[in-house]
Amino acid sequence: MSAAQTTTADLPPAKKTSAGAGTGSKGKPGKPARKGSGATPWLLLAPCMLIIALIMGYPLYRLVTLSFQSFGKKELWGFKDAEFVGLDNFTKILGDGVFWTVVLRTVVFAAGAVILTMVIGMLIALLLQKVSGLVKALISIALVASWGMPIIVATAVFKWLFDSGYGVLNYLLSQLPGVDMIGHNWFASGPQGLVVIMLLVVWGAVPFVVITLSAGLTQVPKELEEAARLDGAGAWGVFRHVTLPILKPIIVMLTTLSVIWDMGVFPQVFVMRNGNPEAEFQLLTTYSYQQAFVVNDYSGGSAIALVTVLLLLGVVAVYMRQMLKIGEVE
């Protein structure tokens, strides 16, 4: 008997396996077939989606219908039926130079607030990684306390800080050599006043960013940071090439949320200007409110609000695209 025959004779008979065994749903090895129904996630989301539909469904429906109607005081009190006017309300506001000025002011305001929030939040989060446990705990308590402060209370505090007659900031700045800020009115011009309101918005938004980024920084592998230092990278190099890529999903999420929140700022402007914001302080939210409840043009105010919603949906679309790209890379 030859060597080849001996080897063949000693081998046990091969076991027959069914087609596709050990393969995925399409016969690819290493990918087990998925179990469960595709409807399970929707069933889990159903209670939340139902609550959102009940709370936001009717207001959103009324917003859309009003924006396509002529609706003023007469229609509100029932003296006249609302008339369908098609796109007339949108044509009116889109052809108004004041509206585009407000849009530009809102975009600049939101961009400045988001940039300041993310930069300051990142710096504080990195600082918390370097301080002792006690200092970290004290800073965290202060952040949570400021985050939990009601907006109306925070606005009142900022009005006191920047008051022209007895504001603390004017007094402190006047202590500097050659500086006289006593009696300075920060709200005499729109840009200065909006900077003060921007600082108020940033002050309220930074704690959430710091807490979220601090949680993300705990997931950065120390081995990668040490390897980057051994390769000659400095602090900025480690942050840019190691920390930042790992935090990218969190940064994209926080930036998107900040844009949505800062473009929807209302109580800070409304309360800071005593319920009657001047023209140079108008943002999209306050402008929509003024058109609807001051001018009594409810359909025009609804059209402005709907345009604002569409702008925010554009921001959400960009966010979803970025997250999908990140998911594909990972």
C-alpha atoms as a PDB file:
ATOM      1  CA  MET A   1       0.000   0.000   0.000  1.00  0.00           C
ATOM      2  CA  SER A   2       1.390   3.347  -0.991  1.00  0.00           C
ATOM      3  CA  ALA A   3       1.910   6.258   1.365  1.00  0.00           C
ATOM      4  CA  ALA A   4      -0.890   8.215  -0.288  1.00  0.00           C
ATOM      5  CA  GLN A   5      -3.334   5.340   0.167  1.00  0.00           C
ATOM      6  CA  THR A   6      -2.344   4.876   3.802  1.00  0.00           C
ATOM      7  CA  THR A   7      -2.936   8.547   4.551  1.00  0.00           C
ATOM      8  CA  THR A   8      -6.319   8.498   2.856  1.00  0.00           C
ATOM      9  CA  ALA A   9      -7.424   5.375   4.654  1.00  0.00           C
ATOM     10  CA  ASP A  10      -6.590   6.715   8.089  1.00  0.00           C
ATOM     11  CA  LEU A  11      -8.671   9.897   7.683  1.00  0.00           C
ATOM     12  CA  PRO A  12     -12.178   9.844   9.248  1.00  0.00           C
ATOM     13  CA  PRO A  13     -15.081  10.333   6.875  1.00  0.00           C
ATOM     14  CA  ALA A  14     -16.101  13.997   6.414  1.00  0.00           C
ATOM     15  CA  LYS A  15     -19.361  15.038   8.048  1.00  0.00           C
ATOM     16  CA  LYS A  16     -22.002  16.448   5.797  1.00  0.00           C
ATOM     17  CA  THR A  17     -23.184  19.901   6.698  1.00  0.00           C
ATOM     18  CA  SER A  18     -26.268  21.660   5.552  1.00  0.00           C
ATOM     19  CA  ALA A  19     -25.879  24.469   3.038  1.00  0.00           C
ATOM     20  CA  GLY A  20     -25.113  27.775   4.667  1.00  0.00           C
ATOM     21  CA  ALA A  21     -24.119  26.255   8.032  1.00  0.00           C
ATOM     22  CA  GLY A  22     -21.685  28.516   9.841  1.00  0.00           C
ATOM     23  CA  THR A  23     -22.414  31.328   7.407  1.00  0.00           C
ATOM     24  CA  GLY A  24     -24.491  34.442   7.584  1.00  0.00           C
ATOM     25  CA  SER A  25     -27.885  35.033   6.082  1.00  0.00           C
ATOM     26  CA  LYS A  26     -26.278  35.441   2.635  1.00  0.00           C
ATOM     27  CA  GLY A  27     -23.830  32.558   2.970  1.00  0.00           C
ATOM     28  CA  LYS A  28     -20.837  34.691   4.005  1.00  0.00           C
ATOM     29  CA  PRO A  29     -18.563  33.057   6.593  1.00  0.00           C
ATOM     30  CA  GLY A  30     -18.024  34.738   9.926  1.00  0.00           C
ATOM     31  CA  LYS A  31     -21.351  36.628   9.944  1.00  0.00           C
ATOM     32  CA  PRO A  32     -24.026  34.847  11.973  1.00  0.00           C
ATOM     33  CA  ALA A  33     -27.617  35.285  10.936  1.00  0.00           C
ATOM     34  CA  ARG A  34     -29.518  38.028  12.745  1.00  0.00           C
ATOM     35  CA  LYS A  35     -32.116  36.953  15.226  1.00  0.00           C
ATOM     36  CA  GLY A  36     -35.247  38.786  16.170  1.00  0.00           C
ATOM     37  CA  SER A  37     -37.657  40.969  14.268  1.00  0.00           C
ATOM     38  CA  GLY A  38     -36.881  44.294  12.665  1.00  0.00           C
ATOM     39  CA  ALA A  39     -39.991  45.691  14.342  1.00  0.00           C
ATOM     40  CA  THR A  40     -38.498  45.412  17.840  1.00  0.00           C
ATOM     41  CA  PRO A  41     -36.701  48.805  17.789  1.00  0.00           C
ATOM     42  CA  TRP A  42     -39.882  50.505  16.606  1.00  0.00           C
ATOM     43  CA  LEU A  43     -41.872  48.883  19.393  1.00  0.00           C
ATOM     44  CA  LEU A  44     -39.357  50.174  21.942  1.00  0.00           C
ATOM     45  CA  LEU A  45     -39.486  53.675  20.433  1.00  0.00           C
ATOM     46  CA  ALA A  46     -43.275  53.721  20.132  1.00  0.00           C
ATOM     47  CA  PRO A  47     -44.055  55.150  23.639  1.00  0.00           C
ATOM     48  CA  CYS A  48     -41.579  57.996  23.194  1.00  0.00           C
ATOM     49  CA  MET A  49     -42.782  58.744  19.663  1.00  0.00           C
ATOM     50  CA  LEU A  50     -46.394  58.730  20.847  1.00  0.00           C
ATOM     51  CA  ILE A  51     -45.659  61.241  23.614  1.00  0.00           C
ATOM     52  CA  ILE A  52     -43.783  63.502  21.175  1.00  0.00           C
ATOM     53  CA  ALA A  53     -46.663  63.290  18.689  1.00  0.00           C
ATOM     54  CA  LEU A  54     -49.211  64.208  21.376  1.00  0.00           C
ATOM     55  CA  ILE A  55     -47.178  67.141  22.732  1.00  0.00           C
ATOM     56  CA  MET A  56     -45.808  68.574  19.484  1.00  0.00           C
ATOM     57  CA  GLY A  57     -48.122  67.222  16.799  1.00  0.00           C
ATOM     58  CA  TYR A  58     -51.032  69.654  17.123  1.00  0.00           C
ATOM     59  CA  PRO A  59     -48.919  72.796  17.736  1.00  0.00           C
ATOM     60  CA  LEU A  60     -46.809  71.963  14.690  1.00  0.00           C
ATOM     61  CA  TYR A  61     -49.951  71.327  12.643  1.00  0.00           C
ATOM     62  CA  ARG A  62     -51.392  74.716  13.682  1.00  0.00           C
ATOM     63  CA  LEU A  63     -48.087  76.407  12.926  1.00  0.00           C
ATOM     64  CA  VAL A  64     -48.076  75.023   9.387  1.00  0.00           C
ATOM     65  CA  THR A  65     -51.745  75.822   8.714  1.00  0.00           C
ATOM     66  CA  LEU A  66     -51.476  79.380  10.083  1.00  0.00           C
ATOM     67  CA  SER A  67     -48.448  80.104   7.919  1.00  0.00           C
ATOM     68  CA  PHE A  68     -50.575  79.456   4.805  1.00  0.00           C
ATOM     69  CA  GLN A  69     -53.535  81.550   6.005  1.00  0.00           C
ATOM     70  CA  SER A  70     -54.407  85.178   6.607  1.00  0.00           C
ATOM     71  CA  PHE A  71     -54.929  85.238  10.365  1.00  0.00           C
ATOM     72  CA  GLY A  72     -55.096  88.375  12.479  1.00  0.00           C
ATOM     73  CA  LYS A  73     -57.194  89.848  15.274  1.00  0.00           C
ATOM     74  CA  LYS A  74     -60.495  89.493  13.429  1.00  0.00           C
ATOM     75  CA  GLU A  75     -59.869  85.817  12.750  1.00  0.00           C
ATOM     76  CA  LEU A  76     -58.682  85.278  16.344  1.00  0.00           C
ATOM     77  CA  TRP A  77     -61.918  86.648  17.811  1.00  0.00           C
ATOM     78  CA  GLY A  78     -64.098  84.852  15.295  1.00  0.00           C
ATOM     79  CA  PHE A  79     -65.346  87.928  13.448  1.00  0.00           C
ATOM     80  CA  LYS A  80     -63.896  86.642  10.196  1.00  0.00           C
ATOM     81  CA  ASP A  81     -62.953  83.247   8.844  1.00  0.00           C
ATOM     82  CA  ALA A  82     -59.327  82.564   8.079  1.00  0.00           C
ATOM     83  CA  GLU A  83     -58.529  82.623   4.367  1.00  0.00           C
ATOM     84  CA  PHE A  84     -56.048  80.405   2.581  1.00  0.00           C
ATOM     85  CA  VAL A  85     -53.437  82.636   0.944  1.00  0.00           C
ATOM     86  CA  GLY A  86     -50.929  80.048  -0.230  1.00  0.00           C
ATOM     87  CA  LEU A  87     -47.330  81.239  -0.180  1.00  0.00           C
ATOM     88  CA  ASP A  88     -48.164  84.918   0.269  1.00  0.00           C
ATOM     89  CA  ASN A  89     -46.867  85.017   3.856  1.00  0.00           C
ATOM     90  CA  PHE A  90     -43.551  83.439   2.849  1.00  0.00           C
ATOM     91  CA  THR A  91     -43.228  85.743  -0.163  1.00  0.00           C
ATOM     92  CA  LYS A  92     -43.791  88.716   2.119  1.00  0.00           C
ATOM     93  CA  ILE A  93     -41.191  87.794   4.739  1.00  0.00           C
ATOM     94  CA  LEU A  94     -38.606  86.520   2.239  1.00  0.00           C
ATOM     95  CA  GLY A  95     -38.875  89.794   0.347  1.00  0.00           C
ATOM     96  CA  ASP A  96     -38.426  91.850   3.515  1.00  0.00           C
ATOM     97  CA  GLY A  97     -34.924  93.181   4.137  1.00  0.00           C
ATOM     98  CA  VAL A  98     -35.580  93.353   7.886  1.00  0.00           C
ATOM     99  CA  PHE A  99     -36.177  89.595   7.976  1.00  0.00           C
ATOM    100  CA  TRP A 100     -32.835  88.837   6.317  1.00  0.00           C
ATOM    101  CA  THR A 101     -31.082  91.222   8.704  1.00  0.00           C
ATOM    102  CA  VAL A 102     -32.590  89.282  11.596  1.00  0.00           C
ATOM    103  CA  VAL A 103     -31.534  85.971  10.007  1.00  0.00           C
ATOM    104  CA  LEU A 104     -27.951  87.184   9.607  1.00  0.00           C
ATOM    105  CA  ARG A 105     -27.897  88.522  13.177  1.00  0.00           C
ATOM    106  CA  THR A 106     -29.234  85.192  14.479  1.00  0.00           C
ATOM    107  CA  VAL A 107     -26.639  83.156  12.571  1.00  0.00           C
ATOM    108  CA  VAL A 108     -23.762  85.361  13.767  1.00  0.00           C
ATOM    109  CA  PHE A 109     -25.076  85.286  17.335  1.00  0.00           C
ATOM    110  CA  ALA A 110     -25.472  81.484  17.317  1.00  0.00           C
ATOM    111  CA  ALA A 111     -22.055  80.942  15.702  1.00  0.00           C
ATOM    112  CA  GLY A 112     -20.310  83.127  18.271  1.00  0.00           C
ATOM    113  CA  ALA A 113     -22.117  81.456  21.169  1.00  0.00           C
ATOM    114  CA  VAL A 114     -21.387  77.935  19.882  1.00  0.00           C
ATOM    115  CA  ILE A 115     -17.685  78.643  19.288  1.00  0.00           C
ATOM    116  CA  LEU A 116     -17.239  80.197  22.727  1.00  0.00           C
ATOM    117  CA  THR A 117     -19.189  77.387  24.383  1.00  0.00           C
ATOM    118  CA  MET A 118     -17.181  74.608  22.742  1.00  0.00           C
ATOM    119  CA  VAL A 119     -13.769  76.259  23.255  1.00  0.00           C
ATOM    120  CA  ILE A 120     -14.367  77.186  26.902  1.00  0.00           C
ATOM    121  CA  GLY A 121     -16.017  73.830  27.592  1.00  0.00           C
ATOM    122  CA  MET A 122     -13.101  71.912  26.093  1.00  0.00           C
ATOM    123  CA  LEU A 123     -10.527  73.942  28.037  1.00  0.00           C
ATOM    124  CA  ILE A 124     -12.323  73.384  31.340  1.00  0.00           C
ATOM    125  CA  ALA A 125     -12.793  69.668  30.592  1.00  0.00           C
ATOM    126  CA  LEU A 126      -9.053  69.298  29.888  1.00  0.00           C
ATOM    127  CA  LEU A 127      -8.278  71.251  33.038  1.00  0.00           C
ATOM    128  CA  LEU A 128     -10.397  68.887  35.122  1.00  0.00           C
ATOM    129  CA  GLN A 129      -8.177  66.004  33.995  1.00  0.00           C
ATOM    130  CA  LYS A 130      -5.128  67.701  35.549  1.00  0.00           C
ATOM    131  CA  VAL A 131      -6.406  68.929  38.933  1.00  0.00           C
ATOM    132  CA  SER A 132      -6.763  67.004  42.169  1.00  0.00           C
ATOM    133  CA  GLY A 133      -9.910  65.135  43.132  1.00  0.00           C
ATOM    134  CA  LEU A 134     -11.055  67.793  45.604  1.00  0.00           C
ATOM    135  CA  VAL A 135     -10.657  70.661  43.149  1.00  0.00           C
ATOM    136  CA  LYS A 136     -12.396  68.619  40.463  1.00  0.00           C
ATOM    137  CA  ALA A 137     -15.320  67.947  42.801  1.00  0.00           C
ATOM    138  CA  LEU A 138     -15.653  71.643  43.712  1.00  0.00           C
ATOM    139  CA  ILE A 139     -15.574  72.734  40.068  1.00  0.00           C
ATOM    140  CA  SER A 140     -18.123  70.073  39.145  1.00  0.00           C
ATOM    141  CA  ILE A 141     -20.467  71.241  41.926  1.00  0.00           C
ATOM    142  CA  ALA A 142     -20.156  74.840  40.715  1.00  0.00           C
ATOM    143  CA  LEU A 143     -20.878  73.764  37.134  1.00  0.00           C
ATOM    144  CA  VAL A 144     -23.950  71.756  38.100  1.00  0.00           C
ATOM    145  CA  ALA A 145     -25.222  74.635  40.269  1.00  0.00           C
ATOM    146  CA  SER A 146     -24.894  77.133  37.410  1.00  0.00           C
ATOM    147  CA  TRP A 147     -26.437  74.646  34.980  1.00  0.00           C
ATOM    148  CA  GLY A 148     -29.429  74.110  37.257  1.00  0.00           C
ATOM    149  CA  MET A 149     -30.064  77.826  37.802  1.00  0.00           C
ATOM    150  CA  PRO A 150     -33.332  78.972  36.160  1.00  0.00           C
ATOM    151  CA  ILE A 151     -32.836  81.141  33.089  1.00  0.00           C
ATOM    152  CA  ILE A 152     -34.841  84.013  34.578  1.00  0.00           C
ATOM    153  CA  VAL A 153     -32.634  84.060  37.682  1.00  0.00           C
ATOM    154  CA  ALA A 154     -29.440  83.908  35.604  1.00  0.00           C
ATOM    155  CA  THR A 155     -30.698  86.755  33.414  1.00  0.00           C
ATOM    156  CA  ALA A 156     -31.459  88.889  36.474  1.00  0.00           C
ATOM    157  CA  VAL A 157     -27.928  88.254  37.774  1.00  0.00           C
ATOM    158  CA  PHE A 158     -26.392  89.337  34.461  1.00  0.00           C
ATOM    159  CA  LYS A 159     -28.579  92.452  34.364  1.00  0.00           C
ATOM    160  CA  TRP A 160     -27.181  93.354  37.772  1.00  0.00           C
ATOM    161  CA  LEU A 161     -23.586  92.631  36.722  1.00  0.00           C
ATOM    162  CA  PHE A 162     -23.815  94.815  33.605  1.00  0.00           C
ATOM    163  CA  ASP A 163     -26.051  97.559  34.991  1.00  0.00           C
ATOM    164  CA  SER A 164     -24.892 101.050  34.003  1.00  0.00           C
ATOM    165  CA  GLY A 165     -25.589 102.586  37.423  1.00  0.00           C
ATOM    166  CA  TYR A 166     -24.468  99.988  39.957  1.00  0.00           C
ATOM    167  CA  GLY A 167     -23.070  97.137  37.847  1.00  0.00           C
ATOM    168  CA  VAL A 168     -20.211  95.173  39.364  1.00  0.00           C
ATOM    169  CA  LEU A 169     -18.390  94.784  36.044  1.00  0.00           C
ATOM    170  CA  ASN A 170     -18.235  98.530  35.399  1.00  0.00           C
ATOM    171  CA  TYR A 171     -16.819  99.053  38.888  1.00  0.00           C
ATOM    172  CA  LEU A 172     -14.156  96.349  38.469  1.00  0.00           C
ATOM    173  CA  LEU A 173     -13.102  97.590  35.040  1.00  0.00           C
ATOM    174  CA  SER A 174     -12.832 101.143  36.373  1.00  0.00           C
ATOM    175  CA  GLN A 175     -10.214  99.947  38.863  1.00  0.00           C
ATOM    176  CA  LEU A 176      -7.814  99.346  35.974  1.00  0.00           C
ATOM    177  CA  PRO A 177      -5.347 102.177  35.251  1.00  0.00           C
ATOM    178  CA  GLY A 178      -6.710 104.611  32.688  1.00  0.00           C
ATOM    179  CA  VAL A 179     -10.135 102.938  32.442  1.00  0.00           C
ATOM    180  CA  ASP A 180     -13.336 104.765  33.355  1.00  0.00           C
ATOM    181  CA  MET A 181     -16.440 102.604  32.851  1.00  0.00           C
ATOM    182  CA  ILE A 182     -18.636 104.169  35.524  1.00  0.00           C
ATOM    183  CA  GLY A 183     -22.077 104.772  34.037  1.00  0.00           C
ATOM    184  CA  HIS A 184     -21.297 102.877  30.840  1.00  0.00           C
ATOM    185  CA  ASN A 185     -24.478 101.465  29.257  1.00  0.00           C
ATOM    186  CA  TRP A 186     -23.741  98.084  27.687  1.00  0.00           C
ATOM    187  CA  PHE A 187     -27.117  98.071  25.940  1.00  0.00           C
ATOM    188  CA  ALA A 188     -26.799 101.449  24.261  1.00  0.00           C
ATOM    189  CA  SER A 189     -25.879  99.622  21.030  1.00  0.00           C
ATOM    190  CA  GLY A 190     -27.056  96.319  19.637  1.00  0.00           C
ATOM    191  CA  PRO A 191     -23.647  94.649  19.151  1.00  0.00           C
ATOM    192  CA  GLN A 192     -22.520  95.327  22.743  1.00  0.00           C
ATOM    193  CA  GLY A 193     -25.844  94.229  24.176  1.00  0.00           C
ATOM    194  CA  LEU A 194     -25.895  91.052  22.116  1.00  0.00           C
ATOM    195  CA  VAL A 195     -22.370  90.229  23.328  1.00  0.00           C
ATOM    196  CA  VAL A 196     -23.645  90.451  26.914  1.00  0.00           C
ATOM    197  CA  ILE A 197     -26.583  88.180  26.056  1.00  0.00           C
ATOM    198  CA  MET A 198     -24.178  85.828  24.267  1.00  0.00           C
ATOM    199  CA  LEU A 199     -22.058  85.573  27.414  1.00  0.00           C
ATOM    200  CA  LEU A 200     -25.219  84.748  29.370  1.00  0.00           C
ATOM    201  CA  VAL A 201     -26.066  81.964  26.907  1.00  0.00           C
ATOM    202  CA  VAL A 202     -22.511  80.608  27.012  1.00  0.00           C
ATOM    203  CA  TRP A 203     -22.476  80.708  30.814  1.00  0.00           C
ATOM    204  CA  GLY A 204     -25.574  78.518  30.919  1.00  0.00           C
ATOM    205  CA  ALA A 205     -24.402  76.110  28.199  1.00  0.00           C
ATOM    206  CA  VAL A 206     -20.785  75.479  29.251  1.00  0.00           C
ATOM    207  CA  PRO A 207     -21.566  73.117  32.188  1.00  0.00           C
ATOM    208  CA  PHE A 208     -23.328  70.568  29.969  1.00  0.00           C
ATOM    209  CA  VAL A 209     -20.454  70.654  27.467  1.00  0.00           C
ATOM    210  CA  VAL A 210     -17.839  70.284  30.227  1.00  0.00           C
ATOM    211  CA  ILE A 211     -19.589  67.336  31.871  1.00  0.00           C
ATOM    212  CA  THR A 212     -20.098  65.539  28.540  1.00  0.00           C
ATOM    213  CA  LEU A 213     -16.547  66.126  27.314  1.00  0.00           C
ATOM    214  CA  SER A 214     -15.121  65.078  30.682  1.00  0.00           C
ATOM    215  CA  ALA A 215     -16.938  61.771  30.351  1.00  0.00           C
ATOM    216  CA  GLY A 216     -15.550  61.392  26.826  1.00  0.00           C
ATOM    217  CA  LEU A 217     -11.992  62.151  27.936  1.00  0.00           C
ATOM    218  CA  THR A 218     -12.085  59.205  30.335  1.00  0.00           C
ATOM    219  CA  GLN A 219     -12.402  56.930  27.286  1.00  0.00           C
ATOM    220  CA  VAL A 220      -9.209  58.176  25.627  1.00  0.00           C
ATOM    221  CA  PRO A 221      -6.606  55.358  25.997  1.00  0.00           C
ATOM    222  CA  LYS A 222      -3.614  56.490  28.022  1.00  0.00           C
ATOM    223  CA  GLU A 223      -1.430  54.120  26.003  1.00  0.00           C
ATOM    224  CA  LEU A 224      -2.090  56.081  22.808  1.00  0.00           C
ATOM    225  CA  GLU A 225      -1.251  59.368  24.503  1.00  0.00           C
ATOM    226  CA  GLU A 226       1.971  57.919  25.920  1.00  0.00           C
ATOM    227  CA  ALA A 227       2.927  56.466  22.538  1.00  0.00           C
ATOM    228  CA  ALA A 228       2.382  59.864  20.894  1.00  0.00           C
ATOM    229  CA  ARG A 229       4.628  61.525  23.488  1.00  0.00           C
ATOM    230  CA  LEU A 230       7.330  58.927  22.922  1.00  0.00           C
ATOM    231  CA  ASP A 231       7.152  59.732  19.202  1.00  0.00           C
ATOM    232  CA  GLY A 232       7.932  63.348  20.025  1.00  0.00           C
ATOM    233  CA  ALA A 233       4.434  64.873  20.009  1.00  0.00           C
ATOM    234  CA  GLY A 234       3.840  67.783  22.349  1.00  0.00           C
ATOM    235  CA  ALA A 235       0.659  68.600  24.240  1.00  0.00           C
ATOM    236  CA  TRP A 236      -0.968  70.116  21.153  1.00  0.00           C
ATOM    237  CA  GLY A 237       0.095  67.173  18.984  1.00  0.00           C
ATOM    238  CA  VAL A 238      -1.359  64.640  21.426  1.00  0.00           C
ATOM    239  CA  PHE A 239      -4.610  66.579  21.582  1.00  0.00           C
ATOM    240  CA  ARG A 240      -4.859  67.012  17.817  1.00  0.00           C
ATOM    241  CA  HIS A 241      -3.883  63.509  16.684  1.00  0.00           C
ATOM    242  CA  VAL A 242      -5.126  61.353  19.583  1.00  0.00           C
ATOM    243  CA  THR A 243      -7.707  63.086  21.774  1.00  0.00           C
ATOM    244  CA  LEU A 244      -9.613  65.041  19.140  1.00  0.00           C
ATOM    245  CA  PRO A 245     -10.311  62.122  16.738  1.00  0.00           C
ATOM    246  CA  ILE A 246     -11.638  59.989  19.608  1.00  0.00           C
ATOM    247  CA  LEU A 247     -13.873  62.820  20.836  1.00  0.00           C
ATOM    248  CA  LYS A 248     -15.132  63.698  17.338  1.00  0.00           C
ATOM    249  CA  PRO A 249     -18.581  62.006  17.669  1.00  0.00           C
ATOM    250  CA  ILE A 250     -19.180  63.772  20.992  1.00  0.00           C
ATOM    251  CA  ILE A 251     -17.985  67.117  19.618  1.00  0.00           C
ATOM    252  CA  VAL A 252     -20.271  66.801  16.575  1.00  0.00           C
ATOM    253  CA  MET A 253     -23.235  66.004  18.827  1.00  0.00           C
ATOM    254  CA  LEU A 254     -22.524  68.861  21.238  1.00  0.00           C
ATOM    255  CA  THR A 255     -21.970  71.347  18.412  1.00  0.00           C
ATOM    256  CA  THR A 256     -25.249  70.403  16.754  1.00  0.00           C
ATOM    257  CA  LEU A 257     -27.204  70.674  19.999  1.00  0.00           C
ATOM    258  CA  SER A 258     -25.560  74.012  20.753  1.00  0.00           C
ATOM    259  CA  VAL A 259     -26.501  75.387  17.332  1.00  0.00           C
ATOM    260  CA  ILE A 260     -30.122  74.311  17.827  1.00  0.00           C
ATOM    261  CA  TRP A 261     -30.301  75.777  21.339  1.00  0.00           C
ATOM    262  CA  ASP A 262     -28.524  79.030  20.485  1.00  0.00           C
ATOM    263  CA  MET A 263     -30.615  79.687  17.390  1.00  0.00           C
ATOM    264  CA  GLY A 264     -33.690  79.181  19.559  1.00  0.00           C
ATOM    265  CA  VAL A 265     -32.658  81.658  22.265  1.00  0.00           C
ATOM    266  CA  PHE A 266     -35.700  83.600  23.487  1.00  0.00           C
ATOM    267  CA  PRO A 267     -36.019  84.196  27.261  1.00  0.00           C
ATOM    268  CA  GLN A 268     -32.525  85.661  27.608  1.00  0.00           C
ATOM    269  CA  VAL A 269     -33.217  88.375  25.017  1.00  0.00           C
ATOM    270  CA  PHE A 270     -36.829  88.907  26.076  1.00  0.00           C
ATOM    271  CA  VAL A 271     -36.111  89.320  29.786  1.00  0.00           C
ATOM    272  CA  MET A 272     -32.866  91.250  29.340  1.00  0.00           C
ATOM    273  CA  ARG A 273     -34.736  93.860  27.291  1.00  0.00           C
ATOM    274  CA  ASN A 274     -37.680  93.998  29.714  1.00  0.00           C
ATOM    275  CA  GLY A 275     -40.137  92.203  27.433  1.00  0.00           C
ATOM    276  CA  ASN A 276     -39.720  94.608  24.509  1.00  0.00           C
ATOM    277  CA  PRO A 277     -36.520  93.923  22.502  1.00  0.00           C
ATOM    278  CA  GLU A 278     -35.484  96.806  20.282  1.00  0.00           C
ATOM    279  CA  ALA A 279     -35.012  96.266  16.537  1.00  0.00           C
ATOM    280  CA  GLU A 280     -31.230  95.843  16.862  1.00  0.00           C
ATOM    281  CA  PHE A 281     -31.721  93.087  19.466  1.00  0.00           C
ATOM    282  CA  GLN A 282     -34.198  91.028  17.445  1.00  0.00           C
ATOM    283  CA  LEU A 283     -33.378  87.386  16.752  1.00  0.00           C
ATOM    284  CA  LEU A 284     -35.571  84.973  14.799  1.00  0.00           C
ATOM    285  CA  THR A 285     -37.428  83.795  17.894  1.00  0.00           C
ATOM    286  CA  THR A 286     -38.166  87.249  19.272  1.00  0.00           C
ATOM    287  CA  TYR A 287     -38.950  88.597  15.785  1.00  0.00           C
ATOM    288  CA  SER A 288     -41.506  85.831  15.258  1.00  0.00           C
ATOM    289  CA  TYR A 289     -43.020  86.588  18.671  1.00  0.00           C
ATOM    290  CA  GLN A 290     -43.194  90.323  17.917  1.00  0.00           C
ATOM    291  CA  GLN A 291     -44.907  89.785  14.564  1.00  0.00           C
ATOM    292  CA  ALA A 292     -47.447  87.403  16.073  1.00  0.00           C
ATOM    293  CA  PHE A 293     -48.279  88.930  19.461  1.00  0.00           C
ATOM    294  CA  VAL A 294     -47.262  92.588  19.168  1.00  0.00           C
ATOM    295  CA  VAL A 295     -48.195  93.347  15.572  1.00  0.00           C
ATOM    296  CA  ASN A 296     -51.013  90.725  15.772  1.00  0.00           C
ATOM    297  CA  ASP A 297     -49.960  89.178  12.465  1.00  0.00           C
ATOM    298  CA  TYR A 298     -50.236  85.578  13.614  1.00  0.00           C
ATOM    299  CA  SER A 299     -49.857  84.117  10.137  1.00  0.00           C
ATOM    300  CA  GLY A 300     -46.699  86.138   9.479  1.00  0.00           C
ATOM    301  CA  GLY A 301     -45.243  85.132  12.833  1.00  0.00           C
ATOM    302  CA  SER A 302     -46.060  81.500  12.074  1.00  0.00           C
ATOM    303  CA  ALA A 303     -44.327  81.741   8.697  1.00  0.00           C
ATOM    304  CA  ILE A 304     -41.189  83.117  10.366  1.00  0.00           C
ATOM    305  CA  ALA A 305     -41.301  80.337  12.968  1.00  0.00           C
ATOM    306  CA  LEU A 306     -41.717  77.710  10.243  1.00  0.00           C
ATOM    307  CA  VAL A 307     -38.708  79.067   8.349  1.00  0.00           C
ATOM    308  CA  THR A 308     -36.744  78.859  11.602  1.00  0.00           C
ATOM    309  CA  VAL A 309     -37.800  75.220  12.016  1.00  0.00           C
ATOM    310  CA  LEU A 310     -36.668  74.446   8.470  1.00  0.00           C
ATOM    311  CA  LEU A 311     -33.279  76.056   9.156  1.00  0.00           C
ATOM    312  CA  LEU A 312     -32.880  73.915  12.268  1.00  0.00           C
ATOM    313  CA  LEU A 313     -33.882  70.796  10.324  1.00  0.00           C
ATOM    314  CA  GLY A 314     -31.043  71.624   7.942  1.00  0.00           C
ATOM    315  CA  VAL A 315     -28.658  71.656  10.906  1.00  0.00           C
ATOM    316  CA  VAL A 316     -30.026  68.283  12.040  1.00  0.00           C
ATOM    317  CA  ALA A 317     -29.548  66.871   8.520  1.00  0.00           C
ATOM    318  CA  VAL A 318     -25.890  67.934   8.545  1.00  0.00           C
ATOM    319  CA  TYR A 319     -25.493  66.328  11.980  1.00  0.00           C
ATOM    320  CA  MET A 320     -27.029  63.032  10.828  1.00  0.00           C
ATOM    321  CA  ARG A 321     -24.767  62.979   7.769  1.00  0.00           C
ATOM    322  CA  GLN A 322     -21.671  63.544   9.888  1.00  0.00           C
ATOM    323  CA  MET A 323     -22.667  60.807  12.334  1.00  0.00           C
ATOM    324  CA  LEU A 324     -23.285  58.373   9.482  1.00  0.00           C
ATOM    325  CA  LYS A 325     -19.841  59.156   8.066  1.00  0.00           C
ATOM    326  CA  ILE A 326     -18.267  58.546  11.455  1.00  0.00           C
ATOM    327  CA  GLY A 327     -20.152  55.250  11.718  1.00  0.00           C
ATOM    328  CA  GLU A 328     -18.914  54.133   8.278  1.00  0.00           C
ATOM    329  CA  VAL A 329     -15.309  54.915   9.199  1.00  0.00           C
ATOM    330  CA  GLU A 330     -15.571  52.985  12.467  1.00  0.00           C
END
